[in-house]
Amino acid sequence: MELAPMDGNVEEDKTYNNLLKKFKIAVLFTLPVFIISMSAMFALMCTNILQRRLQQPFQ
């Protein structure tokens, strides 16, 4: 039982490649924005951990 024809539709391949290219471009532009926006949260988390460590008495 075949789910897709084996002859290979050229138009579907072009559409797939076009959408794949657009997806890669979208990821390329999204990652820097995501990293910049999450860096503040990561820095805040690191400072909180550091403050907790420094408040504990040394043993």
N, C-alpha and C. Protein backbone atom coordinates (compact mmCIF):
# COMPACT_ATOMS: atom_id res chain seq x y z
N MET A 1 0.85 -1.18 0.00
CA MET A 1 0.00 0.00 0.00
C MET A 1 0.89 1.24 0.00
N GLU A 2 0.80 2.02 -1.04
CA GLU A 2 1.59 3.23 -1.16
C GLU A 2 0.78 4.43 -0.69
N LEU A 3 1.41 5.26 0.10
CA LEU A 3 0.74 6.47 0.58
C LEU A 3 0.97 7.65 -0.34
N ALA A 4 2.07 7.63 -1.08
CA ALA A 4 2.39 8.72 -2.00
C ALA A 4 2.84 8.11 -3.32
N PRO A 5 2.52 8.74 -4.42
CA PRO A 5 2.97 8.20 -5.71
C PRO A 5 4.48 8.24 -5.81
N MET A 6 5.04 7.26 -6.48
CA MET A 6 6.49 7.14 -6.58
C MET A 6 7.07 7.92 -7.77
N ASP A 7 6.20 8.49 -8.62
CA ASP A 7 6.71 9.19 -9.81
C ASP A 7 7.42 10.49 -9.46
N GLY A 8 7.15 11.07 -8.32
CA GLY A 8 7.84 12.29 -7.88
C GLY A 8 7.33 13.51 -8.58
N ASN A 9 6.48 14.23 -7.94
CA ASN A 9 5.90 15.43 -8.51
C ASN A 9 6.89 16.57 -8.34
N VAL A 10 7.32 17.14 -9.47
CA VAL A 10 8.34 18.19 -9.46
C VAL A 10 7.80 19.46 -8.79
N GLU A 11 6.53 19.75 -8.99
CA GLU A 11 5.96 20.98 -8.41
C GLU A 11 5.92 20.89 -6.89
N GLU A 12 5.61 19.72 -6.35
CA GLU A 12 5.61 19.55 -4.90
C GLU A 12 7.01 19.70 -4.33
N ASP A 13 8.02 19.20 -5.06
CA ASP A 13 9.39 19.35 -4.61
C ASP A 13 9.80 20.82 -4.58
N LYS A 14 9.38 21.58 -5.59
CA LYS A 14 9.70 23.00 -5.61
C LYS A 14 9.02 23.73 -4.45
N THR A 15 7.78 23.37 -4.18
CA THR A 15 7.05 23.99 -3.08
C THR A 15 7.70 23.65 -1.75
N TYR A 16 8.06 22.39 -1.60
CA TYR A 16 8.73 21.95 -0.37
C TYR A 16 10.05 22.68 -0.18
N ASN A 17 10.85 22.77 -1.22
CA ASN A 17 12.15 23.45 -1.12
C ASN A 17 11.97 24.93 -0.84
N ASN A 18 10.94 25.54 -1.42
CA ASN A 18 10.67 26.95 -1.19
C ASN A 18 10.28 27.18 0.28
N LEU A 19 9.40 26.34 0.80
CA LEU A 19 8.99 26.48 2.19
C LEU A 19 10.14 26.17 3.14
N LEU A 20 10.97 25.21 2.81
CA LEU A 20 12.12 24.88 3.63
C LEU A 20 13.10 26.06 3.68
N LYS A 21 13.31 26.70 2.56
CA LYS A 21 14.19 27.87 2.51
C LYS A 21 13.63 29.01 3.37
N LYS A 22 12.33 29.24 3.28
CA LYS A 22 11.69 30.29 4.09
C LYS A 22 11.78 29.96 5.58
N PHE A 23 11.62 28.68 5.93
CA PHE A 23 11.73 28.26 7.32
C PHE A 23 13.14 28.50 7.85
N LYS A 24 14.15 28.16 7.07
CA LYS A 24 15.53 28.36 7.51
C LYS A 24 15.84 29.84 7.70
N ILE A 25 15.32 30.69 6.82
CA ILE A 25 15.52 32.13 6.96
C ILE A 25 14.82 32.64 8.20
N ALA A 26 13.61 32.15 8.47
CA ALA A 26 12.88 32.57 9.67
C ALA A 26 13.63 32.17 10.93
N VAL A 27 14.17 30.95 10.96
CA VAL A 27 14.95 30.50 12.12
C VAL A 27 16.20 31.35 12.27
N LEU A 28 16.84 31.68 11.15
CA LEU A 28 18.05 32.49 11.19
C LEU A 28 17.79 33.85 11.82
N PHE A 29 16.65 34.46 11.51
CA PHE A 29 16.33 35.77 12.08
C PHE A 29 15.73 35.69 13.47
N THR A 30 15.16 34.55 13.82
CA THR A 30 14.52 34.41 15.13
C THR A 30 15.52 34.11 16.23
N LEU A 31 16.52 33.30 15.96
CA LEU A 31 17.47 32.89 16.99
C LEU A 31 18.19 34.05 17.68
N PRO A 32 18.72 35.03 16.97
CA PRO A 32 19.38 36.14 17.68
C PRO A 32 18.43 36.91 18.60
N VAL A 33 17.19 37.11 18.16
CA VAL A 33 16.22 37.81 18.99
C VAL A 33 15.92 37.00 20.24
N PHE A 34 15.76 35.69 20.08
CA PHE A 34 15.49 34.82 21.21
C PHE A 34 16.66 34.82 22.19
N ILE A 35 17.86 34.74 21.68
CA ILE A 35 19.05 34.71 22.55
C ILE A 35 19.19 36.03 23.31
N ILE A 36 18.98 37.14 22.62
CA ILE A 36 19.09 38.45 23.28
C ILE A 36 18.01 38.60 24.36
N SER A 37 16.80 38.19 24.04
CA SER A 37 15.72 38.36 25.01
C SER A 37 15.89 37.43 26.21
N MET A 38 16.41 36.25 26.03
CA MET A 38 16.57 35.31 27.13
C MET A 38 17.85 35.56 27.93
N SER A 39 18.78 36.31 27.39
CA SER A 39 20.03 36.55 28.10
C SER A 39 19.81 37.32 29.40
N ALA A 40 18.84 38.24 29.39
CA ALA A 40 18.55 38.98 30.62
C ALA A 40 18.02 38.05 31.70
N MET A 41 17.18 37.12 31.31
CA MET A 41 16.64 36.17 32.28
C MET A 41 17.75 35.24 32.79
N PHE A 42 18.62 34.82 31.91
CA PHE A 42 19.71 33.94 32.30
C PHE A 42 20.67 34.66 33.25
N ALA A 43 20.97 35.92 32.95
CA ALA A 43 21.86 36.69 33.83
C ALA A 43 21.22 36.90 35.19
N LEU A 44 19.93 37.17 35.22
CA LEU A 44 19.23 37.34 36.49
C LEU A 44 19.25 36.05 37.30
N MET A 45 19.07 34.93 36.64
CA MET A 45 19.10 33.65 37.32
C MET A 45 20.49 33.37 37.90
N CYS A 46 21.52 33.70 37.14
CA CYS A 46 22.89 33.48 37.62
C CYS A 46 23.21 34.37 38.81
N THR A 47 22.76 35.61 38.77
CA THR A 47 23.03 36.50 39.90
C THR A 47 22.29 36.04 41.14
N ASN A 48 21.07 35.53 40.98
CA ASN A 48 20.33 35.02 42.14
C ASN A 48 21.04 33.82 42.75
N ILE A 49 21.53 32.93 41.94
CA ILE A 49 22.26 31.76 42.44
C ILE A 49 23.53 32.21 43.16
N LEU A 50 24.23 33.17 42.58
CA LEU A 50 25.46 33.66 43.19
C LEU A 50 25.18 34.33 44.53
N GLN A 51 24.11 35.11 44.60
CA GLN A 51 23.76 35.77 45.86
C GLN A 51 23.41 34.75 46.94
N ARG A 52 22.68 33.71 46.57
CA ARG A 52 22.35 32.68 47.55
C ARG A 52 23.61 31.97 48.05
N ARG A 53 24.54 31.71 47.16
CA ARG A 53 25.77 31.03 47.56
C ARG A 53 26.60 31.90 48.50
N LEU A 54 26.62 33.20 48.23
CA LEU A 54 27.42 34.09 49.07
C LEU A 54 26.76 34.36 50.41
N GLN A 55 25.45 34.18 50.53
CA GLN A 55 24.77 34.41 51.80
C GLN A 55 24.91 33.23 52.76
N GLN A 56 25.23 32.08 52.23
CA GLN A 56 25.38 30.91 53.10
C GLN A 56 26.66 31.01 53.90
N PRO A 57 26.63 30.60 55.14
CA PRO A 57 27.86 30.63 55.94
C PRO A 57 28.85 29.58 55.44
N PHE A 58 30.11 29.92 55.53
CA PHE A 58 31.16 29.00 55.11
C PHE A 58 31.35 27.94 56.17
N GLN A 59 31.58 26.73 55.76
CA GLN A 59 31.78 25.64 56.72
C GLN A 59 33.15 25.02 56.55
